[in-house]
N, C-alpha and C. Protein backbone atom coordinates (compact mmCIF):
# COMPACT_ATOMS: atom_id res chain seq x y z
N MET A 1 69.17 150.86 150.66
CA MET A 1 68.83 149.46 150.42
C MET A 1 70.06 149.40 149.77
N ALA A 2 70.70 148.13 149.54
CA ALA A 2 72.17 148.42 148.46
C ALA A 2 71.94 147.27 147.79
N SER A 3 72.28 147.54 146.26
CA SER A 3 72.66 147.29 144.80
C SER A 3 73.44 146.23 144.85
N PHE A 4 73.96 145.05 144.11
CA PHE A 4 75.22 144.90 143.98
C PHE A 4 75.55 144.71 142.36
N ALA A 5 76.48 144.27 142.42
CA ALA A 5 76.76 144.28 140.68
C ALA A 5 78.83 143.74 141.08
N TRP A 6 78.59 142.65 140.69
CA TRP A 6 79.87 142.02 139.91
C TRP A 6 81.58 142.56 139.19
N THR A 7 82.41 142.54 139.29
CA THR A 7 83.51 142.81 138.73
C THR A 7 84.19 141.98 138.73
N VAL A 8 85.12 141.77 137.77
CA VAL A 8 85.70 140.60 137.12
C VAL A 8 86.80 141.24 136.46
N ALA A 9 88.50 140.62 136.94
CA ALA A 9 89.47 140.65 136.17
C ALA A 9 89.98 139.51 135.97
N GLU A 10 90.73 139.18 134.72
CA GLU A 10 91.24 138.27 134.67
C GLU A 10 92.23 138.10 133.38
N ASP A 11 93.32 137.65 133.60
CA ASP A 11 94.42 137.38 132.18
C ASP A 11 94.42 135.63 132.38
N THR A 12 93.85 135.26 131.00
CA THR A 12 94.22 134.24 130.56
C THR A 12 95.87 133.57 130.13
N ASN A 13 96.36 134.83 130.04
CA ASN A 13 98.02 134.14 129.43
C ASN A 13 98.86 135.21 130.22
N PHE A 14 98.97 134.81 131.21
CA PHE A 14 99.76 135.85 132.13
C PHE A 14 101.39 135.16 132.54
N VAL A 15 101.84 136.33 131.67
CA VAL A 15 103.68 136.07 131.02
C VAL A 15 104.34 137.09 132.33
N VAL A 16 105.50 137.21 132.72
CA VAL A 16 106.33 137.86 132.75
C VAL A 16 106.29 139.58 132.84
N GLY A 17 105.89 139.60 131.10
CA GLY A 17 105.96 141.28 130.72
C GLY A 17 104.22 141.98 131.00
N ASP A 18 103.76 141.13 131.36
CA ASP A 18 102.26 141.42 132.31
C ASP A 18 102.25 141.85 133.92
N SER A 19 103.51 141.54 134.51
CA SER A 19 103.47 141.60 135.71
C SER A 19 104.35 142.89 136.01
N PRO A 20 104.28 143.14 137.32
CA PRO A 20 103.17 142.93 138.37
C PRO A 20 101.69 143.43 137.72
N VAL A 21 100.59 143.10 138.44
CA VAL A 21 99.44 143.51 137.75
C VAL A 21 98.38 144.42 139.11
N THR A 22 97.89 145.66 138.78
CA THR A 22 97.30 146.20 140.09
C THR A 22 96.11 146.60 139.81
N ILE A 23 95.33 145.65 140.60
CA ILE A 23 93.76 146.06 140.37
C ILE A 23 92.86 146.49 141.96
N SER A 24 92.08 148.06 141.11
CA SER A 24 91.73 148.79 142.24
C SER A 24 90.46 148.09 142.45
N VAL A 25 90.22 148.33 143.47
CA VAL A 25 88.93 147.38 144.40
C VAL A 25 88.21 148.56 144.95
N ASN A 26 89.04 149.28 145.70
CA ASN A 26 88.43 149.72 146.92
C ASN A 26 86.71 150.21 146.93
N ALA A 27 87.06 148.92 148.12
CA ALA A 27 85.36 148.52 148.70
C ALA A 27 84.94 147.45 149.43
N ALA A 28 84.39 147.88 150.83
CA ALA A 28 83.86 146.47 150.74
C ALA A 28 83.59 145.66 150.12
N LEU A 29 83.47 144.43 150.77
CA LEU A 29 82.49 143.38 149.69
C LEU A 29 82.44 142.14 150.21
N VAL A 30 81.38 142.33 149.94
CA VAL A 30 80.05 141.21 150.31
C VAL A 30 80.56 139.80 150.16
N GLU A 31 81.06 140.00 149.09
CA GLU A 31 81.39 138.12 148.32
C GLU A 31 82.94 138.68 147.12
N GLY A 32 83.88 137.92 146.95
CA GLY A 32 84.98 138.11 146.22
C GLY A 32 85.94 137.01 146.42
N TYR A 33 86.74 136.54 145.01
CA TYR A 33 88.11 135.83 144.85
C TYR A 33 88.70 135.57 144.15
N VAL A 34 90.01 135.76 144.40
CA VAL A 34 90.73 135.24 143.28
C VAL A 34 91.67 133.77 143.45
N ALA A 35 91.78 133.76 142.00
CA ALA A 35 91.71 132.54 141.66
C ALA A 35 92.77 132.21 140.57
N CYS A 36 93.70 131.17 140.92
CA CYS A 36 94.88 130.87 139.47
C CYS A 36 94.82 129.67 138.53
N ASP A 37 94.05 129.84 137.75
CA ASP A 37 93.73 128.83 136.44
C ASP A 37 95.09 128.29 135.66
N GLY A 38 95.74 128.89 135.53
CA GLY A 38 97.05 128.13 135.04
C GLY A 38 97.62 127.01 134.99
N THR A 39 99.00 126.79 134.69
CA THR A 39 100.18 125.85 135.32
C THR A 39 100.87 126.65 136.28
N GLY A 40 101.15 127.55 136.29
CA GLY A 40 102.75 127.97 137.58
C GLY A 40 101.50 129.25 138.31
N SER A 41 101.86 128.96 139.52
CA SER A 41 101.66 130.03 140.95
C SER A 41 101.56 131.29 140.04
N ILE A 42 100.59 132.05 141.14
CA ILE A 42 100.67 133.32 141.32
C ILE A 42 101.31 133.46 143.05
N LEU A 43 101.75 135.11 142.75
CA LEU A 43 101.89 135.62 144.13
C LEU A 43 101.03 137.07 144.03
N VAL A 44 100.62 136.89 145.46
CA VAL A 44 99.32 137.66 145.63
C VAL A 44 99.51 138.41 147.56
N GLU A 45 99.31 140.33 146.92
CA GLU A 45 99.08 141.23 148.19
C GLU A 45 98.25 141.93 147.84
N ILE A 46 97.58 142.28 149.19
CA ILE A 46 96.29 142.56 149.22
C ILE A 46 96.36 143.90 149.79
N ALA A 47 96.10 144.84 149.44
CA ALA A 47 96.31 146.35 150.58
C ALA A 47 95.03 147.12 151.02
N PRO A 48 94.74 146.79 152.10
CA PRO A 48 93.14 147.05 152.83
C PRO A 48 92.67 148.55 152.89
N GLU A 49 93.92 149.82 152.39
CA GLU A 49 94.16 150.69 152.33
C GLU A 49 95.15 151.45 151.82
N GLY A 50 94.88 152.01 151.26
CA GLY A 50 95.81 153.11 150.19
C GLY A 50 96.45 152.26 149.43
N THR A 51 97.89 151.94 149.20
CA THR A 51 99.00 151.78 148.74
C THR A 51 99.71 150.45 149.39
N SER A 52 99.49 150.58 151.24
CA SER A 52 100.17 149.68 152.10
C SER A 52 99.68 148.27 152.03
N TYR A 53 100.70 147.37 151.26
CA TYR A 53 100.19 146.02 151.23
C TYR A 53 100.40 144.90 152.51
N GLY A 54 100.00 144.33 152.72
CA GLY A 54 100.33 142.97 153.29
C GLY A 54 101.28 142.08 152.90
N GLY A 55 101.47 141.26 153.37
CA GLY A 55 102.25 140.12 153.58
C GLY A 55 102.20 139.19 151.48
N GLN A 56 102.70 139.32 151.13
CA GLN A 56 102.22 137.98 150.10
C GLN A 56 102.10 136.72 150.13
N PHE A 57 101.59 136.11 149.78
CA PHE A 57 101.26 134.98 149.88
C PHE A 57 100.95 134.00 148.08
N THR A 58 101.17 132.80 148.35
CA THR A 58 100.91 131.95 147.28
C THR A 58 99.43 131.28 146.81
N ILE A 59 99.61 131.56 145.23
CA ILE A 59 97.84 130.95 145.24
C ILE A 59 98.72 129.75 143.62
N LYS A 60 98.58 128.14 144.66
CA LYS A 60 98.82 127.69 143.51
C LYS A 60 98.01 127.18 142.14
N PRO A 61 97.84 126.80 140.98
CA PRO A 61 97.70 126.12 140.36
C PRO A 61 95.95 124.93 140.97
N ASP A 62 95.21 125.61 140.29
CA ASP A 62 93.82 124.77 140.43
C ASP A 62 93.10 125.58 141.72
N GLU A 63 93.66 126.41 142.63
CA GLU A 63 93.38 126.93 143.82
C GLU A 63 93.37 128.63 143.94
N GLY A 64 92.11 128.51 145.22
CA GLY A 64 91.53 130.26 145.06
C GLY A 64 91.51 130.63 146.38
N VAL A 65 91.02 132.04 146.90
CA VAL A 65 91.64 132.40 147.96
C VAL A 65 90.33 133.15 147.94
N SER A 66 88.97 133.21 149.09
CA SER A 66 88.15 133.91 149.21
C SER A 66 88.29 135.42 150.08
N LEU A 67 87.35 136.33 149.36
CA LEU A 67 87.85 138.07 149.58
C LEU A 67 86.82 138.33 150.75
N GLY A 68 85.44 137.50 150.67
CA GLY A 68 85.00 137.75 151.23
C GLY A 68 84.25 138.53 152.77
N GLY A 69 83.86 139.67 152.84
CA GLY A 69 84.01 140.44 153.92
C GLY A 69 84.80 141.29 154.23
N ALA A 70 85.86 141.40 154.05
CA ALA A 70 86.92 142.30 153.82
C ALA A 70 86.74 143.56 152.94
N ARG A 71 87.67 144.28 153.45
CA ARG A 71 87.81 145.94 153.38
C ARG A 71 88.99 145.90 151.76
N ILE A 72 88.59 145.77 150.47
CA ILE A 72 90.18 146.41 149.97
C ILE A 72 90.17 147.46 149.16
N SER A 73 91.44 147.94 149.39
CA SER A 73 91.17 148.96 148.61
C SER A 73 92.50 148.58 146.96
N LYS A 74 93.24 148.25 147.20
CA LYS A 74 94.23 147.58 145.66
C LYS A 74 94.73 145.88 145.75
N ILE A 75 94.51 144.91 144.90
CA ILE A 75 95.29 144.16 144.87
C ILE A 75 95.93 143.82 144.19
N ARG A 76 97.76 143.37 144.18
CA ARG A 76 99.09 143.14 143.37
C ARG A 76 98.57 141.57 142.83
N ILE A 77 99.11 141.20 141.58
CA ILE A 77 99.29 139.82 141.53
C ILE A 77 100.54 140.26 140.63
N THR A 78 101.87 138.88 140.62
CA THR A 78 102.88 139.35 140.73
C THR A 78 103.19 137.74 139.64
N HIS A 79 103.81 137.44 138.84
CA HIS A 79 104.22 136.44 138.07
C HIS A 79 105.31 136.22 139.10
N SER A 80 104.98 134.49 139.27
CA SER A 80 105.56 133.93 139.91
C SER A 80 107.16 132.59 139.04
N GLY A 81 107.08 133.22 137.79
CA GLY A 81 108.39 132.82 137.40
C GLY A 81 108.30 131.41 136.15
N THR A 82 106.73 131.06 136.45
CA THR A 82 106.32 130.40 134.76
C THR A 82 104.80 131.03 134.75
N ASP A 83 104.17 130.78 133.61
CA ASP A 83 103.36 131.36 132.92
C ASP A 83 102.13 131.01 133.66
N SER A 84 100.86 131.75 133.60
CA SER A 84 99.93 131.13 134.13
C SER A 84 98.61 132.09 134.06
N SER A 85 97.52 132.17 134.89
CA SER A 85 96.27 132.48 134.30
C SER A 85 95.54 133.07 135.73
N TYR A 86 94.62 134.11 136.12
CA TYR A 86 94.33 134.25 136.89
C TYR A 86 92.78 135.35 136.97
N ARG A 87 91.94 134.95 137.93
CA ARG A 87 90.64 135.57 137.60
C ARG A 87 90.25 136.14 138.91
N VAL A 88 90.08 137.34 139.03
CA VAL A 88 89.43 138.08 140.61
C VAL A 88 87.87 138.42 140.16
N ALA A 89 87.33 138.46 141.13
CA ALA A 89 85.70 138.55 141.11
C ALA A 89 85.69 139.37 142.20
N THR A 90 84.84 140.60 142.52
CA THR A 90 84.76 141.05 143.51
C THR A 90 83.27 141.72 143.60
N LEU A 91 82.48 141.60 144.59
CA LEU A 91 80.93 141.86 144.80
C LEU A 91 80.97 143.08 145.81
N PRO A 92 80.97 144.22 145.62
CA PRO A 92 80.68 144.87 146.76
C PRO A 92 79.87 145.51 147.04
N ILE A 93 79.55 145.98 148.26
CA ILE A 93 78.43 146.80 148.66
C ILE A 93 78.60 148.11 148.13
N ILE A 94 77.26 148.80 147.22
CA ILE A 94 76.95 149.79 146.69
C ILE A 94 76.04 149.86 147.62
N LYS A 95 76.12 151.46 148.05
CA LYS A 95 74.94 151.56 148.59
C LYS A 95 73.55 153.32 148.09
N VAL A 96 72.61 152.67 147.81
CA VAL A 96 72.10 153.65 147.01
C VAL A 96 70.78 154.08 147.38
């Protein structure tokens, strides 16, 4: 049997001094997303295992990326030069 619990990380005032931020997920996800809520873009990298990140991609204001079905170790978010805000929500599979 599996149970589920959402984990959320957010920063409503993401400034250059906060960057980069690394969020540990360490799970296979049922669902998840990274969203940019501010006026500036954010730069995102995902490490499926350990700390070997894939390519960096941009999420523009009022956009998001689905992470459902992915195996993620860490998510790194970097300031793009304009202050912004972000939300990361993950719903891992937890075997009970």
